[in-house]
Every structure is written in C-alpha cells, then in structure tokens.
Amino acid sequence: MSFMTLTVPHPTAPFRIAVTRDPATDLETTIVLATTLGLPWISDPATNDFTHLLVMTAERLELRELGPNPAGPVYADFAMGAVAHRRRFGGGRNQPLARAVGLKRGAAPSVVDATAGLGRDAFVLACLGCVVRLVERSPLIAALLRDGLERAACIPDLGPLVAGRLSLVMADGRDYLRKLTDEQRPDVVYLDPMYPLRRKAALAGKEMRLLRCLAGDDADAPELLAAALANARRRVVVKRPRRAPPLVGSQPSFQIATINTRFDVYSLLQAADAI
C-alpha cells in the first residue's frame, strides 16, 4: 500500500479527540500516531476532558464516543461483519455498484474512490477485480482506514488482494484529481459524498454521525464532481439517497436505483459505455 500526507483541517468543537491505548499495545506507536494526527495523547482513558478517544487496542484502531449512552466503537474492518458478508453474498458483478462502475464482460476498470470513508465500497470493487485508489481527506478517518487495510493485508486470503488492488492516499479529492497526469487518470471516479441532512432523523447510524463530524457535510461535492468529470476516462459514479436530487452540475447519463440508494452514472463515452 502507498500513502501520501497532506495537511487537512481537524474537526472542531464540540468534537474533542485524544489518542490513547490499551495496556497491551505499544506505547511508542501510539504516541507517534497522536503526533502525526496533531492530537493530544493521554495515558488515562477515564479522563472527562474529551468527547471521543482514538484507541489503539490489541486488535485494531477504533474511535470511541464518550459520555452518557455512547455508541459502540467505529473502525474499519474488511474481514468480518457486513463487509465480509457483502463480499461473499453481495451479488458479484450483478450488484448495482458493480454495474454502475461498468464491471461487465470481464472488464475491470481502474477506479479512484475520491471519498473513501471507511473503504467498504472500494473493497467490494477490489474483490470484483478493480484496482482502486482510495482518497480520504480526513486524517483521522484515513488513520482508521489505513489500520483496517493493514490488518486485512495480514490475512492469508485477503493479503494479495489488498496489496495488489488497493492503495490509500490522504488528500482532498478535488486536489488529487486535478493533479493527475494523463497516465494516472482512472477509468472511473467514484464519489459517495455525505448524504443530505434529514430534518427529522439527521443520522441514524453511529458511523455516519461520526463521519459527518470528522469530514463535514461535503458542501463542496459539486466542485468534486466537476473535477471527477474532467479527469475520469470512462465514467463518474455518484452514490446518492434514492430520493435525493442529483448533485448540482451536469445531469447523469443514467441511474441505477435500489430500495434506499441510487447510483448516478455520468458516461464520458456515451453509447459505447452503456450498461
């Protein structure tokens, strides 16, 4: 895996984060992580001075919410849970995500996931044969994602896939795409910007709530779409809530909808790139 460092603003109040560790983990590694992220390191996880802790455990790196009735920890995991189930039973190349990026007739397009988050869609695409560059602008989310990829690389049946098809870059997706050389341009740029905030139930899931706090509301998504359209070779795919409007700018060439989600596909090759 390859990594690039870029300075990106950190989350602001009321989000106060510190780095700590479980006793069985390496002290120096944890301190280096805190220094890299520009976050305070603490030895006592019981402190009340923070809203969240980034904790290095014996199993993984995880973000924990503090306070009354906290949500469970957030972490990247490609070997267990929903991602593993989706890898085995998600429908292969017939699933909507695969059709949206153009996985057909043996084709495996190169992909830049410019809003990587915790990397779930990118991992599914890699399992289906795509080489995917994951771009994440939040240093903390990138740290969680990097930890998940490094753990997956140590698992015999996942290691070759991670090493051969997934790479992580910490950067703003707009800047990253604009700086690509012609040789570096991917076949597909995949965007999964933060979903529009709903009035009655802002965010049901703990991960989405934390990701919004860390990464912001993606108000620059239309600008990211413009950069994607200017640098993808074949198509740009934008994941949206089914009933949400398309991003501001060019209208999609076609759409692939599921019960709750919709993929807006912007074809750059017109008829030759149809489903």
Protein backbone atom coordinates (compact mmCIF):
# COMPACT_ATOMS: atom_id res chain seq x y z
CA MET A 1 0.00 0.00 0.00
CA SER A 2 1.15 3.56 -0.64
CA PHE A 3 0.44 6.62 1.45
CA MET A 4 0.60 10.37 0.88
CA THR A 5 0.41 13.01 3.60
CA LEU A 6 -1.49 16.27 3.16
CA THR A 7 -2.45 18.80 5.79
CA VAL A 8 -6.23 18.92 6.23
CA PRO A 9 -8.19 20.83 8.89
CA HIS A 10 -9.04 18.83 12.00
CA PRO A 11 -12.52 18.54 13.49
CA THR A 12 -13.52 21.44 15.69
CA ALA A 13 -15.52 21.83 18.91
CA PRO A 14 -17.60 20.24 20.26
CA PHE A 15 -15.58 17.34 18.84
CA ARG A 16 -12.58 16.93 21.20
CA ILE A 17 -10.44 13.89 20.47
CA ALA A 18 -7.43 12.37 22.20
CA VAL A 19 -5.33 9.31 21.40
CA THR A 20 -4.78 6.56 23.95
CA ARG A 21 -4.09 2.83 24.10
CA ASP A 22 -4.96 -0.37 25.84
CA PRO A 23 -2.18 -1.58 28.18
CA ALA A 24 -1.17 -4.47 25.91
CA THR A 25 -0.28 -2.22 22.96
CA ASP A 26 2.94 -0.42 22.07
CA LEU A 27 3.35 2.98 23.73
CA GLU A 28 5.71 4.48 21.15
CA THR A 29 3.46 3.55 18.23
CA THR A 30 0.51 5.28 19.88
CA ILE A 31 2.47 8.43 20.63
CA VAL A 32 3.69 8.58 17.03
CA LEU A 33 0.09 8.26 15.85
CA ALA A 34 -1.02 11.13 18.09
CA THR A 35 1.85 13.31 16.87
CA THR A 36 1.11 12.53 13.22
CA LEU A 37 -2.56 13.45 13.65
CA GLY A 38 -1.80 16.54 15.74
CA LEU A 39 -3.95 15.20 18.59
CA PRO A 40 -3.17 15.03 22.32
CA TRP A 41 -2.00 11.71 23.74
CA ILE A 42 -3.32 10.67 27.15
CA SER A 43 -2.44 7.76 29.40
CA ASP A 44 -5.73 7.67 31.31
CA PRO A 45 -8.76 6.75 29.13
CA ALA A 46 -11.06 7.68 32.02
CA THR A 47 -10.46 11.40 31.55
CA ASN A 48 -13.55 13.60 31.11
CA ASP A 49 -11.84 16.29 29.03
CA PHE A 50 -12.71 14.80 25.63
CA THR A 51 -15.77 13.77 23.65
CA HIS A 52 -14.03 10.92 21.79
CA LEU A 53 -10.95 8.74 22.10
CA LEU A 54 -8.94 7.19 19.29
CA VAL A 55 -7.85 3.96 20.95
CA MET A 56 -5.16 1.53 19.86
CA THR A 57 -6.29 -1.87 21.11
CA ALA A 58 -4.60 -5.24 20.71
CA GLU A 59 -6.96 -5.97 17.78
CA ARG A 60 -7.41 -2.67 15.96
CA LEU A 61 -7.55 1.13 15.96
CA GLU A 62 -11.02 2.38 16.92
CA LEU A 63 -12.81 5.63 17.62
CA ARG A 64 -14.85 5.58 20.82
CA GLU A 65 -17.56 8.00 21.80
CA LEU A 66 -17.59 9.14 25.43
CA GLY A 67 -20.37 10.47 27.62
CA PRO A 68 -23.76 9.03 28.59
CA ASN A 69 -25.17 6.27 26.36
CA PRO A 70 -22.24 6.25 23.93
CA ALA A 71 -22.44 4.44 20.62
CA GLY A 72 -20.19 1.47 20.03
CA PRO A 73 -16.70 1.92 18.56
CA VAL A 74 -16.14 2.85 14.92
CA TYR A 75 -13.37 1.11 12.99
CA ALA A 76 -12.51 -0.23 9.54
CA ASP A 77 -12.84 -3.99 9.14
CA PHE A 78 -12.67 -5.95 5.89
CA ALA A 79 -12.50 -9.47 7.30
CA MET A 80 -15.64 -9.68 9.44
CA GLY A 81 -19.19 -8.37 9.69
CA ALA A 82 -21.16 -6.64 6.96
CA VAL A 83 -18.22 -6.21 4.57
CA ALA A 84 -17.31 -9.90 4.69
CA HIS A 85 -20.95 -10.88 4.17
CA ARG A 86 -21.27 -8.49 1.24
CA ARG A 87 -18.08 -9.86 -0.31
CA ARG A 88 -19.49 -13.39 -0.24
CA PHE A 89 -23.18 -12.81 -0.88
CA GLY A 90 -23.46 -9.30 -2.36
CA GLY A 91 -24.31 -10.44 -5.87
CA GLY A 92 -20.91 -10.26 -7.53
CA ARG A 93 -20.78 -8.33 -10.79
CA ASN A 94 -24.57 -8.23 -10.97
CA GLN A 95 -24.91 -5.98 -7.92
CA PRO A 96 -25.83 -2.32 -8.58
CA LEU A 97 -22.43 -0.93 -7.55
CA ALA A 98 -20.61 -3.22 -9.98
CA ARG A 99 -22.98 -2.36 -12.83
CA ALA A 100 -22.63 1.34 -12.08
CA VAL A 101 -18.83 1.35 -12.45
CA GLY A 102 -19.02 -0.77 -15.62
CA LEU A 103 -17.94 -4.22 -14.47
CA LYS A 104 -19.12 -6.33 -17.40
CA ARG A 105 -17.89 -8.83 -19.96
CA GLY A 106 -14.71 -9.41 -18.00
CA ALA A 107 -13.84 -5.71 -17.80
CA ALA A 108 -12.29 -4.49 -14.55
CA PRO A 109 -11.92 -0.70 -14.77
CA SER A 110 -9.40 1.20 -12.68
CA VAL A 111 -11.16 3.30 -10.03
CA VAL A 112 -10.41 6.31 -7.88
CA ASP A 113 -12.71 6.40 -4.85
CA ALA A 114 -12.38 10.10 -4.09
CA THR A 115 -14.50 9.97 -0.90
CA ALA A 116 -13.18 6.74 0.56
CA GLY A 117 -14.53 6.96 4.13
CA LEU A 118 -14.07 3.54 5.74
CA GLY A 119 -13.48 1.92 2.35
CA ARG A 120 -16.37 -0.52 2.10
CA ASP A 121 -17.43 0.11 -1.49
CA ALA A 122 -13.80 0.30 -2.62
CA PHE A 123 -13.09 -3.07 -1.01
CA VAL A 124 -16.08 -4.66 -2.77
CA LEU A 125 -14.85 -3.31 -6.10
CA ALA A 126 -11.37 -4.66 -5.42
CA CYS A 127 -12.84 -8.08 -4.65
CA LEU A 128 -14.53 -7.95 -8.05
CA GLY A 129 -11.24 -7.26 -9.86
CA CYS A 130 -10.84 -3.46 -9.89
CA VAL A 131 -7.64 -1.70 -8.91
CA VAL A 132 -8.83 1.07 -6.57
CA ARG A 133 -7.10 4.15 -5.23
CA LEU A 134 -8.81 5.31 -2.04
CA VAL A 135 -8.63 9.06 -1.43
CA GLU A 136 -9.64 10.35 2.02
CA ARG A 137 -9.16 13.92 3.22
CA SER A 138 -9.84 13.47 6.95
CA PRO A 139 -6.59 12.48 8.68
CA LEU A 140 -8.46 10.60 11.39
CA ILE A 141 -10.70 8.65 9.01
CA ALA A 142 -7.63 7.88 6.90
CA ALA A 143 -5.91 6.51 10.01
CA LEU A 144 -8.85 4.19 10.71
CA LEU A 145 -8.91 3.10 7.07
CA ARG A 146 -5.17 2.51 6.95
CA ASP A 147 -5.40 0.34 10.08
CA GLY A 148 -8.19 -1.74 8.52
CA LEU A 149 -6.20 -2.24 5.31
CA GLU A 150 -3.04 -3.20 7.18
CA ARG A 151 -4.92 -5.78 9.25
CA ALA A 152 -6.59 -7.19 6.14
CA ALA A 153 -3.17 -7.44 4.45
CA CYS A 154 -2.11 -9.89 7.19
CA ILE A 155 -4.97 -12.30 6.46
CA PRO A 156 -3.90 -15.04 4.00
CA ASP A 157 -6.96 -14.93 1.73
CA LEU A 158 -7.13 -11.11 1.71
CA GLY A 159 -3.47 -10.11 1.74
CA PRO A 160 -2.75 -10.48 -2.00
CA LEU A 161 -5.95 -8.61 -2.87
CA VAL A 162 -5.11 -5.68 -0.58
CA ALA A 163 -1.51 -5.48 -1.76
CA GLY A 164 -2.36 -5.75 -5.44
CA ARG A 165 -5.57 -3.76 -5.80
CA LEU A 166 -5.89 -1.18 -3.01
CA SER A 167 -3.82 1.91 -2.22
CA LEU A 168 -4.61 4.76 0.16
CA VAL A 169 -3.89 8.45 -0.39
CA MET A 170 -4.67 11.11 2.19
CA ALA A 171 -5.67 14.16 0.17
CA ASP A 172 -8.58 16.37 -0.77
CA GLY A 173 -10.24 14.58 -3.68
CA ARG A 174 -10.51 17.75 -5.74
CA ASP A 175 -6.79 18.48 -5.48
CA TYR A 176 -5.82 14.87 -6.05
CA LEU A 177 -7.87 14.56 -9.23
CA ARG A 178 -6.68 17.88 -10.65
CA LYS A 179 -3.02 16.91 -10.22
CA LEU A 180 -3.25 13.56 -12.02
CA THR A 181 -1.14 13.15 -15.12
CA ASP A 182 -2.78 11.70 -18.21
CA GLU A 183 -1.22 8.31 -17.43
CA GLN A 184 -2.62 8.39 -13.88
CA ARG A 185 -6.22 9.12 -14.86
CA PRO A 186 -8.57 6.28 -13.84
CA ASP A 187 -11.30 4.72 -15.94
CA VAL A 188 -13.85 5.56 -13.25
CA VAL A 189 -14.10 8.11 -10.45
CA TYR A 190 -16.44 7.02 -7.67
CA LEU A 191 -18.00 9.58 -5.31
CA ASP A 192 -20.01 8.90 -2.17
CA PRO A 193 -20.44 12.38 -0.65
CA MET A 194 -22.15 12.83 2.69
CA TYR A 195 -25.88 12.34 2.32
CA PRO A 196 -28.10 15.41 2.72
CA LEU A 197 -29.03 16.08 6.33
CA ARG A 198 -32.58 14.97 7.06
CA ARG A 199 -34.75 17.15 9.27
CA LYS A 200 -36.42 14.54 11.46
CA ALA A 201 -33.66 11.96 11.76
CA ALA A 202 -30.36 13.60 10.98
CA LEU A 203 -28.25 10.45 11.02
CA ALA A 204 -29.39 7.10 12.34
CA GLY A 205 -26.08 5.25 12.24
CA LYS A 206 -23.20 5.84 14.64
CA GLU A 207 -20.64 5.65 11.84
CA MET A 208 -22.42 8.20 9.67
CA ARG A 209 -22.80 10.54 12.64
CA LEU A 210 -19.09 10.38 13.42
CA LEU A 211 -18.04 10.59 9.79
CA ARG A 212 -20.08 13.74 9.34
CA CYS A 213 -18.40 15.29 12.39
CA LEU A 214 -14.96 14.37 11.07
CA ALA A 215 -15.35 15.07 7.37
CA GLY A 216 -18.03 17.76 7.31
CA ASP A 217 -21.14 17.97 5.16
CA ASP A 218 -19.36 17.79 1.79
CA ALA A 219 -20.71 21.15 0.68
CA ASP A 220 -18.01 21.07 -1.99
CA ALA A 221 -19.46 17.92 -3.62
CA PRO A 222 -20.47 19.76 -6.84
CA GLU A 223 -16.90 21.01 -7.20
CA LEU A 224 -15.63 17.47 -6.61
CA LEU A 225 -17.99 16.20 -9.30
CA ALA A 226 -16.59 18.76 -11.76
CA ALA A 227 -13.04 17.62 -11.02
CA ALA A 228 -14.11 14.00 -11.45
CA LEU A 229 -15.76 14.67 -14.81
CA ALA A 230 -12.61 16.43 -16.01
CA ASN A 231 -10.29 13.57 -15.09
CA ALA A 232 -12.13 10.23 -15.44
CA ARG A 233 -11.63 8.36 -18.71
CA ARG A 234 -14.92 6.47 -18.98
CA ARG A 235 -17.43 7.46 -16.32
CA VAL A 236 -18.12 9.07 -12.97
CA VAL A 237 -20.42 7.35 -10.47
CA VAL A 238 -22.10 9.24 -7.62
CA LYS A 239 -23.85 7.37 -4.81
CA ARG A 240 -26.95 9.16 -3.54
CA PRO A 241 -30.03 8.52 -1.41
CA ARG A 242 -32.73 7.21 -3.75
CA ARG A 243 -34.95 10.30 -3.45
CA ALA A 244 -32.18 12.91 -3.28
CA PRO A 245 -31.65 15.21 -6.27
CA PRO A 246 -28.51 14.76 -8.39
CA LEU A 247 -25.52 16.89 -7.49
CA VAL A 248 -25.53 20.38 -8.96
CA GLY A 249 -23.98 20.46 -12.42
CA SER A 250 -24.22 18.03 -15.32
CA GLN A 251 -27.18 15.66 -15.33
CA PRO A 252 -26.35 11.93 -15.11
CA SER A 253 -26.45 9.83 -18.26
CA PHE A 254 -28.44 7.13 -16.47
CA GLN A 255 -29.26 5.91 -12.97
CA ILE A 256 -29.26 2.57 -11.17
CA ALA A 257 -31.56 2.51 -8.14
CA THR A 258 -32.01 0.16 -5.19
CA ILE A 259 -34.52 0.37 -2.34
CA ASN A 260 -32.66 3.13 -0.48
CA THR A 261 -29.75 4.09 -2.72
CA ARG A 262 -29.23 5.39 -6.23
CA PHE A 263 -26.12 5.46 -8.41
CA ASP A 264 -25.96 8.42 -10.80
CA VAL A 265 -23.73 7.47 -13.71
CA TYR A 266 -22.09 10.15 -15.87
CA SER A 267 -20.88 8.45 -19.04
CA LEU A 268 -17.96 10.09 -20.81
CA LEU A 269 -18.07 7.69 -23.76
CA GLN A 270 -21.81 7.96 -24.40
CA ALA A 271 -23.31 4.99 -26.28
CA ALA A 272 -20.15 2.89 -26.11
CA ASP A 273 -20.34 2.99 -22.31
CA ALA A 274 -23.95 1.92 -21.81
CA ILE A 275 -24.88 -0.70 -19.20
